[in-house]
């Protein structure tokens, strides 16, 4: 008597939120249709586009299901797709990004080898295609070393701090787990994906990981559904909300390194634009997350913010050479 291969019996639905994506959604859809392991369904949630997005999607016929809604943001669009799906697993892709051909096949194989996992992610490639610049999120060899021969990380938050947590376009999650975690928060206009993954991680810390890049993240795309919203307010709300959630479920110590990494990344970005004025406020608000030396350095550097901002290119080069904790 033959036993069914779990990889062949699992069903995968692809959810693609789209807003004014007529110029690049073909690239995303073609990359899904070119997979060596085809998904069972492809759903595009058109979030009130005013261009020809719907017309382009309709050109794919029955291969792609189009759902149109009034403009409500990426979270609502993703939730629309999840609720419409009939597959056991949901894979995500934004309309301005793309998958590499073996993405679904390699992730399906990983999940079949580890049936207890309820989600998996992968390495990916950043593409600043206007300048013909490409780079891996994490060097493939380093990813393999971090896994130590396994297919998964024991703690998503630990993987996040090591740049090995993938991104939305590399996620495959059980549909029931997305629903259990409460789906994407409509009010979280920016970082709605991080918010979702963190809420899942409190419940299911183990996550699969392919060190081989399986998708391409296209940077600096105009009208991106999630990248256009203001960062400081959304970031503050996200971190504050999850400090509270993590504290309530006894996971604060697990979450703090993750929060620290994200705060430091955006603080470093703020030095180079008008958001530098927000750094001292953020330092005070998240005092319990940031290390003492780092907080002291930030307070000194923000005494004269304009001078510091002007000197940041030089300080940044020194930091890269000396690997200072700033």
C-alpha atoms as a PDB file:
ATOM      1  CA  UNK A   1       0.000   0.000   0.000  1.00  0.00           C
ATOM      2  CA  UNK A   2       1.528   3.335  -1.045  1.00  0.00           C
ATOM      3  CA  UNK A   3       1.729   6.260   1.384  1.00  0.00           C
ATOM      4  CA  UNK A   4       0.896   9.738   0.105  1.00  0.00           C
ATOM      5  CA  UNK A   5       3.782  12.179  -0.036  1.00  0.00           C
ATOM      6  CA  UNK A   6       2.954  15.078   2.355  1.00  0.00           C
ATOM      7  CA  UNK A   7       4.464  17.509  -0.148  1.00  0.00           C
ATOM      8  CA  UNK A   8       1.971  16.368  -2.790  1.00  0.00           C
ATOM      9  CA  UNK A   9      -1.055  16.398  -0.498  1.00  0.00           C
ATOM     10  CA  UNK A  10      -0.517  19.846   1.038  1.00  0.00           C
ATOM     11  CA  UNK A  11      -2.384  22.688  -0.661  1.00  0.00           C
ATOM     12  CA  UNK A  12      -0.907  26.169  -1.061  1.00  0.00           C
ATOM     13  CA  UNK A  13      -2.749  29.373  -1.866  1.00  0.00           C
ATOM     14  CA  UNK A  14      -0.869  32.510  -2.932  1.00  0.00           C
ATOM     15  CA  UNK A  15      -2.156  35.866  -1.669  1.00  0.00           C
ATOM     16  CA  UNK A  16      -1.049  39.010  -3.521  1.00  0.00           C
ATOM     17  CA  UNK A  17      -2.313  42.435  -2.342  1.00  0.00           C
ATOM     18  CA  UNK A  18      -2.160  45.044  -5.099  1.00  0.00           C
ATOM     19  CA  UNK A  19      -2.598  48.782  -5.425  1.00  0.00           C
ATOM     20  CA  UNK A  20      -1.928  50.630  -8.698  1.00  0.00           C
ATOM     21  CA  UNK A  21       0.339  47.751  -9.690  1.00  0.00           C
ATOM     22  CA  UNK A  22      -0.326  47.587 -13.439  1.00  0.00           C
ATOM     23  CA  UNK A  23       3.331  48.310 -14.284  1.00  0.00           C
ATOM     24  CA  UNK A  24       4.831  45.410 -12.331  1.00  0.00           C
ATOM     25  CA  UNK A  25       2.184  42.880 -11.277  1.00  0.00           C
ATOM     26  CA  UNK A  26       2.855  40.777 -14.385  1.00  0.00           C
ATOM     27  CA  UNK A  27       6.355  40.152 -13.057  1.00  0.00           C
ATOM     28  CA  UNK A  28       4.936  38.906  -9.750  1.00  0.00           C
ATOM     29  CA  UNK A  29       2.248  36.721 -11.327  1.00  0.00           C
ATOM     30  CA  UNK A  30       4.563  35.283 -13.967  1.00  0.00           C
ATOM     31  CA  UNK A  31       7.020  34.287 -11.225  1.00  0.00           C
ATOM     32  CA  UNK A  32       4.240  32.407  -9.410  1.00  0.00           C
ATOM     33  CA  UNK A  33       3.060  30.687 -12.573  1.00  0.00           C
ATOM     34  CA  UNK A  34       6.657  29.666 -13.380  1.00  0.00           C
ATOM     35  CA  UNK A  35       7.081  27.707 -10.139  1.00  0.00           C
ATOM     36  CA  UNK A  36       8.394  24.165 -10.393  1.00  0.00           C
ATOM     37  CA  UNK A  37       5.754  23.283  -7.797  1.00  0.00           C
ATOM     38  CA  UNK A  38       2.513  25.022  -8.777  1.00  0.00           C
ATOM     39  CA  UNK A  39       0.208  26.491  -6.107  1.00  0.00           C
ATOM     40  CA  UNK A  40      -3.389  25.300  -5.897  1.00  0.00           C
ATOM     41  CA  UNK A  41      -4.762  28.857  -6.102  1.00  0.00           C
ATOM     42  CA  UNK A  42      -3.586  32.405  -6.743  1.00  0.00           C
ATOM     43  CA  UNK A  43      -5.602  35.281  -5.290  1.00  0.00           C
ATOM     44  CA  UNK A  44      -5.022  38.960  -6.058  1.00  0.00           C
ATOM     45  CA  UNK A  45      -6.769  41.391  -3.706  1.00  0.00           C
ATOM     46  CA  UNK A  46      -6.993  44.697  -5.606  1.00  0.00           C
ATOM     47  CA  UNK A  47      -7.055  47.393  -2.932  1.00  0.00           C
ATOM     48  CA  UNK A  48      -9.003  50.069  -4.808  1.00  0.00           C
ATOM     49  CA  UNK A  49      -6.527  50.603  -7.652  1.00  0.00           C
ATOM     50  CA  UNK A  50      -7.181  53.534  -9.992  1.00  0.00           C
ATOM     51  CA  UNK A  51      -4.951  52.253 -12.804  1.00  0.00           C
ATOM     52  CA  UNK A  52      -5.240  49.126 -14.988  1.00  0.00           C
ATOM     53  CA  UNK A  53      -4.268  46.622 -12.287  1.00  0.00           C
ATOM     54  CA  UNK A  54      -7.582  44.737 -12.506  1.00  0.00           C
ATOM     55  CA  UNK A  55      -7.426  44.599 -16.309  1.00  0.00           C
ATOM     56  CA  UNK A  56      -3.913  43.123 -16.227  1.00  0.00           C
ATOM     57  CA  UNK A  57      -4.951  40.482 -13.677  1.00  0.00           C
ATOM     58  CA  UNK A  58      -8.100  39.595 -15.605  1.00  0.00           C
ATOM     59  CA  UNK A  59      -5.862  38.875 -18.586  1.00  0.00           C
ATOM     60  CA  UNK A  60      -4.631  35.738 -16.768  1.00  0.00           C
ATOM     61  CA  UNK A  61      -8.126  34.259 -16.904  1.00  0.00           C
ATOM     62  CA  UNK A  62      -9.074  31.435 -14.565  1.00  0.00           C
ATOM     63  CA  UNK A  63      -5.464  30.928 -13.428  1.00  0.00           C
ATOM     64  CA  UNK A  64      -5.790  33.913 -11.067  1.00  0.00           C
ATOM     65  CA  UNK A  65      -8.731  34.881  -8.880  1.00  0.00           C
ATOM     66  CA  UNK A  66      -9.258  38.654  -8.668  1.00  0.00           C
ATOM     67  CA  UNK A  67     -11.059  40.235  -5.715  1.00  0.00           C
ATOM     68  CA  UNK A  68     -11.701  43.965  -5.804  1.00  0.00           C
ATOM     69  CA  UNK A  69     -12.238  46.063  -2.682  1.00  0.00           C
ATOM     70  CA  UNK A  70     -12.294  49.729  -1.727  1.00  0.00           C
ATOM     71  CA  UNK A  71      -8.925  51.082  -0.656  1.00  0.00           C
ATOM     72  CA  UNK A  72      -8.245  49.952   2.923  1.00  0.00           C
ATOM     73  CA  UNK A  73      -4.528  49.143   3.071  1.00  0.00           C
ATOM     74  CA  UNK A  74      -2.272  46.107   2.805  1.00  0.00           C
ATOM     75  CA  UNK A  75      -3.523  44.414   5.992  1.00  0.00           C
ATOM     76  CA  UNK A  76      -7.140  44.371   4.846  1.00  0.00           C
ATOM     77  CA  UNK A  77      -6.131  43.274   1.338  1.00  0.00           C
ATOM     78  CA  UNK A  78      -4.114  40.348   2.712  1.00  0.00           C
ATOM     79  CA  UNK A  79      -6.961  39.387   5.036  1.00  0.00           C
ATOM     80  CA  UNK A  80      -9.357  39.458   2.080  1.00  0.00           C
ATOM     81  CA  UNK A  81      -7.134  36.991   0.270  1.00  0.00           C
ATOM     82  CA  UNK A  82      -6.708  34.735   3.304  1.00  0.00           C
ATOM     83  CA  UNK A  83     -10.440  34.616   3.948  1.00  0.00           C
ATOM     84  CA  UNK A  84     -11.148  33.779   0.307  1.00  0.00           C
ATOM     85  CA  UNK A  85      -8.544  30.999   0.148  1.00  0.00           C
ATOM     86  CA  UNK A  86      -9.448  27.335   0.466  1.00  0.00           C
ATOM     87  CA  UNK A  87      -5.873  26.027   0.758  1.00  0.00           C
ATOM     88  CA  UNK A  88      -4.318  24.708   3.968  1.00  0.00           C
ATOM     89  CA  UNK A  89      -1.221  26.890   3.559  1.00  0.00           C
ATOM     90  CA  UNK A  90      -0.885  30.542   2.533  1.00  0.00           C
ATOM     91  CA  UNK A  91       2.143  31.955   0.707  1.00  0.00           C
ATOM     92  CA  UNK A  92       2.519  35.722   0.416  1.00  0.00           C
ATOM     93  CA  UNK A  93       3.903  37.899  -2.341  1.00  0.00           C
ATOM     94  CA  UNK A  94       3.599  41.648  -2.881  1.00  0.00           C
ATOM     95  CA  UNK A  95       2.709  42.806  -6.370  1.00  0.00           C
ATOM     96  CA  UNK A  96       6.051  44.570  -6.890  1.00  0.00           C
ATOM     97  CA  UNK A  97       8.239  41.596  -5.934  1.00  0.00           C
ATOM     98  CA  UNK A  98       8.878  38.142  -7.392  1.00  0.00           C
ATOM     99  CA  UNK A  99       9.721  34.549  -6.575  1.00  0.00           C
ATOM    100  CA  UNK A 100      12.550  32.432  -7.907  1.00  0.00           C
ATOM    101  CA  UNK A 101      11.379  29.242  -9.689  1.00  0.00           C
ATOM    102  CA  UNK A 102      12.040  26.661  -6.941  1.00  0.00           C
ATOM    103  CA  UNK A 103      10.524  28.713  -4.122  1.00  0.00           C
ATOM    104  CA  UNK A 104       7.381  26.680  -3.473  1.00  0.00           C
ATOM    105  CA  UNK A 105       9.007  23.330  -4.236  1.00  0.00           C
ATOM    106  CA  UNK A 106      11.897  23.745  -1.784  1.00  0.00           C
ATOM    107  CA  UNK A 107       9.649  25.107   0.950  1.00  0.00           C
ATOM    108  CA  UNK A 108       7.102  22.321   0.430  1.00  0.00           C
ATOM    109  CA  UNK A 109       9.852  19.746   0.741  1.00  0.00           C
ATOM    110  CA  UNK A 110      11.088  21.366   3.954  1.00  0.00           C
ATOM    111  CA  UNK A 111       7.612  21.321   5.474  1.00  0.00           C
ATOM    112  CA  UNK A 112       7.091  17.680   4.482  1.00  0.00           C
ATOM    113  CA  UNK A 113      10.335  16.783   6.281  1.00  0.00           C
ATOM    114  CA  UNK A 114       9.217  18.673   9.399  1.00  0.00           C
ATOM    115  CA  UNK A 115       5.472  18.069   9.779  1.00  0.00           C
ATOM    116  CA  UNK A 116       5.282  19.780  13.181  1.00  0.00           C
ATOM    117  CA  UNK A 117       6.204  23.170  11.678  1.00  0.00           C
ATOM    118  CA  UNK A 118       3.341  25.572  10.997  1.00  0.00           C
ATOM    119  CA  UNK A 119       5.368  28.135   9.045  1.00  0.00           C
ATOM    120  CA  UNK A 120       8.556  28.540   7.093  1.00  0.00           C
ATOM    121  CA  UNK A 121      10.566  31.316   5.478  1.00  0.00           C
ATOM    122  CA  UNK A 122      13.737  31.738   3.432  1.00  0.00           C
ATOM    123  CA  UNK A 123      16.650  33.898   2.407  1.00  0.00           C
ATOM    124  CA  UNK A 124      16.072  36.414  -0.410  1.00  0.00           C
ATOM    125  CA  UNK A 125      17.740  38.917  -2.712  1.00  0.00           C
ATOM    126  CA  UNK A 126      17.495  42.703  -2.445  1.00  0.00           C
ATOM    127  CA  UNK A 127      17.283  44.326  -5.863  1.00  0.00           C
ATOM    128  CA  UNK A 128      17.885  48.035  -6.375  1.00  0.00           C
ATOM    129  CA  UNK A 129      17.217  47.382 -10.016  1.00  0.00           C
ATOM    130  CA  UNK A 130      17.371  51.033 -11.083  1.00  0.00           C
ATOM    131  CA  UNK A 131      21.090  50.893 -10.225  1.00  0.00           C
ATOM    132  CA  UNK A 132      21.542  47.234 -11.160  1.00  0.00           C
ATOM    133  CA  UNK A 133      22.499  46.385  -7.572  1.00  0.00           C
ATOM    134  CA  UNK A 134      21.740  42.974  -6.062  1.00  0.00           C
ATOM    135  CA  UNK A 135      22.631  41.504  -2.668  1.00  0.00           C
ATOM    136  CA  UNK A 136      21.536  38.592  -0.523  1.00  0.00           C
ATOM    137  CA  UNK A 137      19.819  39.394   2.741  1.00  0.00           C
ATOM    138  CA  UNK A 138      22.132  36.859   4.407  1.00  0.00           C
ATOM    139  CA  UNK A 139      25.140  35.132   2.867  1.00  0.00           C
ATOM    140  CA  UNK A 140      23.990  31.625   1.999  1.00  0.00           C
ATOM    141  CA  UNK A 141      26.951  29.984   3.724  1.00  0.00           C
ATOM    142  CA  UNK A 142      26.261  31.938   6.910  1.00  0.00           C
ATOM    143  CA  UNK A 143      22.620  30.861   6.841  1.00  0.00           C
ATOM    144  CA  UNK A 144      23.645  27.210   6.593  1.00  0.00           C
ATOM    145  CA  UNK A 145      26.078  27.672   9.472  1.00  0.00           C
ATOM    146  CA  UNK A 146      23.353  29.214  11.661  1.00  0.00           C
ATOM    147  CA  UNK A 147      21.047  26.269  10.965  1.00  0.00           C
ATOM    148  CA  UNK A 148      23.741  23.769  12.090  1.00  0.00           C
ATOM    149  CA  UNK A 149      22.424  21.022   9.816  1.00  0.00           C
ATOM    150  CA  UNK A 150      18.753  21.576  10.632  1.00  0.00           C
ATOM    151  CA  UNK A 151      15.856  22.851   8.492  1.00  0.00           C
ATOM    152  CA  UNK A 152      14.550  25.256  11.102  1.00  0.00           C
ATOM    153  CA  UNK A 153      15.306  27.734  13.873  1.00  0.00           C
ATOM    154  CA  UNK A 154      14.005  27.007  17.356  1.00  0.00           C
ATOM    155  CA  UNK A 155      13.024  30.647  17.934  1.00  0.00           C
ATOM    156  CA  UNK A 156      11.819  33.112  15.284  1.00  0.00           C
ATOM    157  CA  UNK A 157      12.965  36.072  17.404  1.00  0.00           C
ATOM    158  CA  UNK A 158      16.489  34.668  17.535  1.00  0.00           C
ATOM    159  CA  UNK A 159      16.421  34.159  13.759  1.00  0.00           C
ATOM    160  CA  UNK A 160      15.232  37.762  13.352  1.00  0.00           C
ATOM    161  CA  UNK A 161      18.230  39.125  15.252  1.00  0.00           C
ATOM    162  CA  UNK A 162      20.533  37.122  12.955  1.00  0.00           C
ATOM    163  CA  UNK A 163      18.912  38.457   9.744  1.00  0.00           C
ATOM    164  CA  UNK A 164      17.567  34.958   9.062  1.00  0.00           C
ATOM    165  CA  UNK A 165      13.817  35.571   9.344  1.00  0.00           C
ATOM    166  CA  UNK A 166      13.131  36.193   5.671  1.00  0.00           C
ATOM    167  CA  UNK A 167      10.391  38.659   4.767  1.00  0.00           C
ATOM    168  CA  UNK A 168       6.750  38.565   3.750  1.00  0.00           C
ATOM    169  CA  UNK A 169       7.527  37.349   0.222  1.00  0.00           C
ATOM    170  CA  UNK A 170       9.257  34.241   1.587  1.00  0.00           C
ATOM    171  CA  UNK A 171       6.621  33.269   4.168  1.00  0.00           C
ATOM    172  CA  UNK A 172       4.378  30.214   3.981  1.00  0.00           C
ATOM    173  CA  UNK A 173       2.027  29.873   6.952  1.00  0.00           C
ATOM    174  CA  UNK A 174      -0.797  27.529   7.830  1.00  0.00           C
ATOM    175  CA  UNK A 175      -4.049  29.357   7.181  1.00  0.00           C
ATOM    176  CA  UNK A 176      -5.465  28.189  10.534  1.00  0.00           C
ATOM    177  CA  UNK A 177      -2.471  29.740  12.342  1.00  0.00           C
ATOM    178  CA  UNK A 178      -3.005  33.106  10.632  1.00  0.00           C
ATOM    179  CA  UNK A 179      -6.608  33.043  11.786  1.00  0.00           C
ATOM    180  CA  UNK A 180      -5.620  31.936  15.301  1.00  0.00           C
ATOM    181  CA  UNK A 181      -3.205  34.876  15.553  1.00  0.00           C
ATOM    182  CA  UNK A 182      -5.943  37.314  14.543  1.00  0.00           C
ATOM    183  CA  UNK A 183      -4.946  37.990  10.897  1.00  0.00           C
ATOM    184  CA  UNK A 184      -3.227  41.237   9.871  1.00  0.00           C
ATOM    185  CA  UNK A 185      -4.116  44.333  11.913  1.00  0.00           C
ATOM    186  CA  UNK A 186      -5.966  46.880   9.722  1.00  0.00           C
ATOM    187  CA  UNK A 187      -4.744  49.795  11.845  1.00  0.00           C
ATOM    188  CA  UNK A 188      -1.065  48.855  11.407  1.00  0.00           C
ATOM    189  CA  UNK A 189      -0.453  50.660   8.099  1.00  0.00           C
ATOM    190  CA  UNK A 190       3.311  50.140   8.200  1.00  0.00           C
ATOM    191  CA  UNK A 191       5.076  47.065   9.645  1.00  0.00           C
ATOM    192  CA  UNK A 192       1.819  45.091   9.473  1.00  0.00           C
ATOM    193  CA  UNK A 193       3.806  42.024   8.396  1.00  0.00           C
ATOM    194  CA  UNK A 194       6.279  42.215  11.302  1.00  0.00           C
ATOM    195  CA  UNK A 195       3.321  42.600  13.646  1.00  0.00           C
ATOM    196  CA  UNK A 196       1.777  39.418  12.229  1.00  0.00           C
ATOM    197  CA  UNK A 197       4.953  37.335  12.377  1.00  0.00           C
ATOM    198  CA  UNK A 198       5.666  38.406  15.946  1.00  0.00           C
ATOM    199  CA  UNK A 199       2.169  37.414  17.043  1.00  0.00           C
ATOM    200  CA  UNK A 200       2.657  33.998  15.482  1.00  0.00           C
ATOM    201  CA  UNK A 201       6.117  33.646  17.055  1.00  0.00           C
ATOM    202  CA  UNK A 202       4.725  33.960  20.583  1.00  0.00           C
ATOM    203  CA  UNK A 203       2.599  30.880  19.848  1.00  0.00           C
ATOM    204  CA  UNK A 204       4.844  28.901  17.515  1.00  0.00           C
ATOM    205  CA  UNK A 205       8.516  29.878  17.921  1.00  0.00           C
ATOM    206  CA  UNK A 206       9.970  27.204  15.605  1.00  0.00           C
ATOM    207  CA  UNK A 207      10.208  28.297  11.974  1.00  0.00           C
ATOM    208  CA  UNK A 208      11.599  26.587   8.891  1.00  0.00           C
ATOM    209  CA  UNK A 209      14.324  28.322   6.897  1.00  0.00           C
ATOM    210  CA  UNK A 210      15.925  27.832   3.492  1.00  0.00           C
ATOM    211  CA  UNK A 211      19.346  29.483   3.352  1.00  0.00           C
ATOM    212  CA  UNK A 212      19.183  29.553  -0.462  1.00  0.00           C
ATOM    213  CA  UNK A 213      17.545  32.782  -1.720  1.00  0.00           C
ATOM    214  CA  UNK A 214      14.045  31.999  -2.992  1.00  0.00           C
ATOM    215  CA  UNK A 215      12.635  35.439  -3.833  1.00  0.00           C
ATOM    216  CA  UNK A 216      13.561  38.934  -4.968  1.00  0.00           C
ATOM    217  CA  UNK A 217      12.582  42.029  -2.994  1.00  0.00           C
ATOM    218  CA  UNK A 218      12.395  45.031  -5.325  1.00  0.00           C
ATOM    219  CA  UNK A 219      13.356  48.233  -3.509  1.00  0.00           C
ATOM    220  CA  UNK A 220      12.212  51.793  -4.186  1.00  0.00           C
ATOM    221  CA  UNK A 221       9.065  50.901  -6.129  1.00  0.00           C
ATOM    222  CA  UNK A 222       6.647  53.883  -6.434  1.00  0.00           C
ATOM    223  CA  UNK A 223       3.145  53.431  -4.936  1.00  0.00           C
ATOM    224  CA  UNK A 224       4.179  50.353  -2.947  1.00  0.00           C
ATOM    225  CA  UNK A 225       1.210  49.355  -0.820  1.00  0.00           C
ATOM    226  CA  UNK A 226       3.136  49.130   2.465  1.00  0.00           C
ATOM    227  CA  UNK A 227       6.266  51.243   1.897  1.00  0.00           C
ATOM    228  CA  UNK A 228       4.536  54.604   1.467  1.00  0.00           C
ATOM    229  CA  UNK A 229       3.376  55.151   5.053  1.00  0.00           C
ATOM    230  CA  UNK A 230       5.204  57.221   7.660  1.00  0.00           C
ATOM    231  CA  UNK A 231       7.712  55.230   9.700  1.00  0.00           C
ATOM    232  CA  UNK A 232       8.207  56.886  13.152  1.00  0.00           C
ATOM    233  CA  UNK A 233       4.608  56.794  14.411  1.00  0.00           C
ATOM    234  CA  UNK A 234       3.952  53.278  13.083  1.00  0.00           C
ATOM    235  CA  UNK A 235       7.243  51.981  14.481  1.00  0.00           C
ATOM    236  CA  UNK A 236       6.615  53.460  17.930  1.00  0.00           C
ATOM    237  CA  UNK A 237       3.146  51.929  18.058  1.00  0.00           C
ATOM    238  CA  UNK A 238       4.420  48.542  16.883  1.00  0.00           C
ATOM    239  CA  UNK A 239       7.229  48.258  19.448  1.00  0.00           C
ATOM    240  CA  UNK A 240       5.136  49.617  22.337  1.00  0.00           C
ATOM    241  CA  UNK A 241       2.279  47.252  21.530  1.00  0.00           C
ATOM    242  CA  UNK A 242       4.536  44.200  21.404  1.00  0.00           C
ATOM    243  CA  UNK A 243       6.430  45.051  24.570  1.00  0.00           C
ATOM    244  CA  UNK A 244       3.042  44.895  26.266  1.00  0.00           C
ATOM    245  CA  UNK A 245       1.996  41.669  24.491  1.00  0.00           C
ATOM    246  CA  UNK A 246       5.344  39.991  25.186  1.00  0.00           C
ATOM    247  CA  UNK A 247       5.193  41.008  28.857  1.00  0.00           C
ATOM    248  CA  UNK A 248       1.664  39.658  29.255  1.00  0.00           C
ATOM    249  CA  UNK A 249       2.552  36.269  27.776  1.00  0.00           C
ATOM    250  CA  UNK A 250       5.884  35.965  29.593  1.00  0.00           C
ATOM    251  CA  UNK A 251       7.987  36.300  26.428  1.00  0.00           C
ATOM    252  CA  UNK A 252       9.545  39.740  26.965  1.00  0.00           C
ATOM    253  CA  UNK A 253      13.125  38.497  27.344  1.00  0.00           C
ATOM    254  CA  UNK A 254      12.776  36.568  24.067  1.00  0.00           C
ATOM    255  CA  UNK A 255      11.320  39.597  22.313  1.00  0.00           C
ATOM    256  CA  UNK A 256      13.664  42.339  23.583  1.00  0.00           C
ATOM    257  CA  UNK A 257      16.652  41.510  21.311  1.00  0.00           C
ATOM    258  CA  UNK A 258      14.299  41.531  18.337  1.00  0.00           C
ATOM    259  CA  UNK A 259      12.869  44.924  19.315  1.00  0.00           C
ATOM    260  CA  UNK A 260      16.369  46.277  19.945  1.00  0.00           C
ATOM    261  CA  UNK A 261      17.571  45.223  16.486  1.00  0.00           C
ATOM    262  CA  UNK A 262      14.630  46.858  14.767  1.00  0.00           C
ATOM    263  CA  UNK A 263      14.914  50.073  16.779  1.00  0.00           C
ATOM    264  CA  UNK A 264      18.646  50.367  16.110  1.00  0.00           C
ATOM    265  CA  UNK A 265      18.142  49.811  12.386  1.00  0.00           C
ATOM    266  CA  UNK A 266      15.624  52.645  12.117  1.00  0.00           C
ATOM    267  CA  UNK A 267      17.525  54.953  14.482  1.00  0.00           C
ATOM    268  CA  UNK A 268      20.528  54.641  12.178  1.00  0.00           C
ATOM    269  CA  UNK A 269      18.299  55.513   9.239  1.00  0.00           C
ATOM    270  CA  UNK A 270      16.963  58.610  11.050  1.00  0.00           C
ATOM    271  CA  UNK A 271      20.419  60.208  11.280  1.00  0.00           C
ATOM    272  CA  UNK A 272      20.351  61.003   7.591  1.00  0.00           C
ATOM    273  CA  UNK A 273      17.066  62.913   7.340  1.00  0.00           C
ATOM    274  CA  UNK A 274      14.715  65.154   9.274  1.00  0.00           C
ATOM    275  CA  UNK A 275      13.649  62.282  11.538  1.00  0.00           C
ATOM    276  CA  UNK A 276      16.822  62.762  13.593  1.00  0.00           C
ATOM    277  CA  UNK A 277      14.694  64.916  15.933  1.00  0.00           C
ATOM    278  CA  UNK A 278      12.708  61.792  16.807  1.00  0.00           C
ATOM    279  CA  UNK A 279      15.698  59.806  18.107  1.00  0.00           C
ATOM    280  CA  UNK A 280      15.887  61.249  21.634  1.00  0.00           C
ATOM    281  CA  UNK A 281      12.153  60.734  22.139  1.00  0.00           C
ATOM    282  CA  UNK A 282      12.467  57.133  20.955  1.00  0.00           C
ATOM    283  CA  UNK A 283      15.479  56.554  23.212  1.00  0.00           C
ATOM    284  CA  UNK A 284      13.520  57.653  26.263  1.00  0.00           C
ATOM    285  CA  UNK A 285      10.365  55.775  25.336  1.00  0.00           C
ATOM    286  CA  UNK A 286      12.119  52.440  24.802  1.00  0.00           C
ATOM    287  CA  UNK A 287      14.682  52.738  27.566  1.00  0.00           C
ATOM    288  CA  UNK A 288      13.983  49.210  28.790  1.00  0.00           C
ATOM    289  CA  UNK A 289      14.866  47.728  25.391  1.00  0.00           C
ATOM    290  CA  UNK A 290      18.030  49.626  24.396  1.00  0.00           C
ATOM    291  CA  UNK A 291      21.348  48.877  26.179  1.00  0.00           C
ATOM    292  CA  UNK A 292      22.749  51.562  28.579  1.00  0.00           C
ATOM    293  CA  UNK A 293      25.877  52.466  26.581  1.00  0.00           C
ATOM    294  CA  UNK A 294      23.859  52.815  23.392  1.00  0.00           C
ATOM    295  CA  UNK A 295      21.286  55.077  25.094  1.00  0.00           C
ATOM    296  CA  UNK A 296      24.003  57.296  26.528  1.00  0.00           C
ATOM    297  CA  UNK A 297      25.665  57.649  23.129  1.00  0.00           C
ATOM    298  CA  UNK A 298      22.346  58.581  21.507  1.00  0.00           C
ATOM    299  CA  UNK A 299      21.610  61.249  24.109  1.00  0.00           C
ATOM    300  CA  UNK A 300      25.049  62.816  23.572  1.00  0.00           C
ATOM    301  CA  UNK A 301      24.746  62.721  19.782  1.00  0.00           C
ATOM    302  CA  UNK A 302      21.301  64.344  19.836  1.00  0.00           C
ATOM    303  CA  UNK A 303      22.365  67.393  21.882  1.00  0.00           C
ATOM    304  CA  UNK A 304      23.256  69.119  18.596  1.00  0.00           C
ATOM    305  CA  UNK A 305      21.244  67.112  16.044  1.00  0.00           C
ATOM    306  CA  UNK A 306      22.052  69.185  12.956  1.00  0.00           C
ATOM    307  CA  UNK A 307      25.817  68.957  13.542  1.00  0.00           C
ATOM    308  CA  UNK A 308      25.545  65.228  14.194  1.00  0.00           C
ATOM    309  CA  UNK A 309      23.491  64.716  11.037  1.00  0.00           C
ATOM    310  CA  UNK A 310      26.084  66.564   8.957  1.00  0.00           C
ATOM    311  CA  UNK A 311      28.874  64.396  10.418  1.00  0.00           C
ATOM    312  CA  UNK A 312      27.033  61.067  10.079  1.00  0.00           C
ATOM    313  CA  UNK A 313      28.609  59.987   6.746  1.00  0.00           C
ATOM    314  CA  UNK A 314      32.060  60.186   8.397  1.00  0.00           C
ATOM    315  CA  UNK A 315      30.860  58.520  11.611  1.00  0.00           C
ATOM    316  CA  UNK A 316      29.224  55.784   9.573  1.00  0.00           C
ATOM    317  CA  UNK A 317      32.491  54.978   7.795  1.00  0.00           C
ATOM    318  CA  UNK A 318      34.357  54.880  11.130  1.00  0.00           C
ATOM    319  CA  UNK A 319      31.664  52.587  12.526  1.00  0.00           C
ATOM    320  CA  UNK A 320      32.059  50.140   9.617  1.00  0.00           C
ATOM    321  CA  UNK A 321      35.823  49.976  10.110  1.00  0.00           C
ATOM    322  CA  UNK A 322      35.882  49.761  13.907  1.00  0.00           C
ATOM    323  CA  UNK A 323      32.550  47.918  14.343  1.00  0.00           C
ATOM    324  CA  UNK A 324      31.434  50.209  17.139  1.00  0.00           C
ATOM    325  CA  UNK A 325      28.131  49.375  18.890  1.00  0.00           C
ATOM    326  CA  UNK A 326      26.390  52.379  17.312  1.00  0.00           C
END
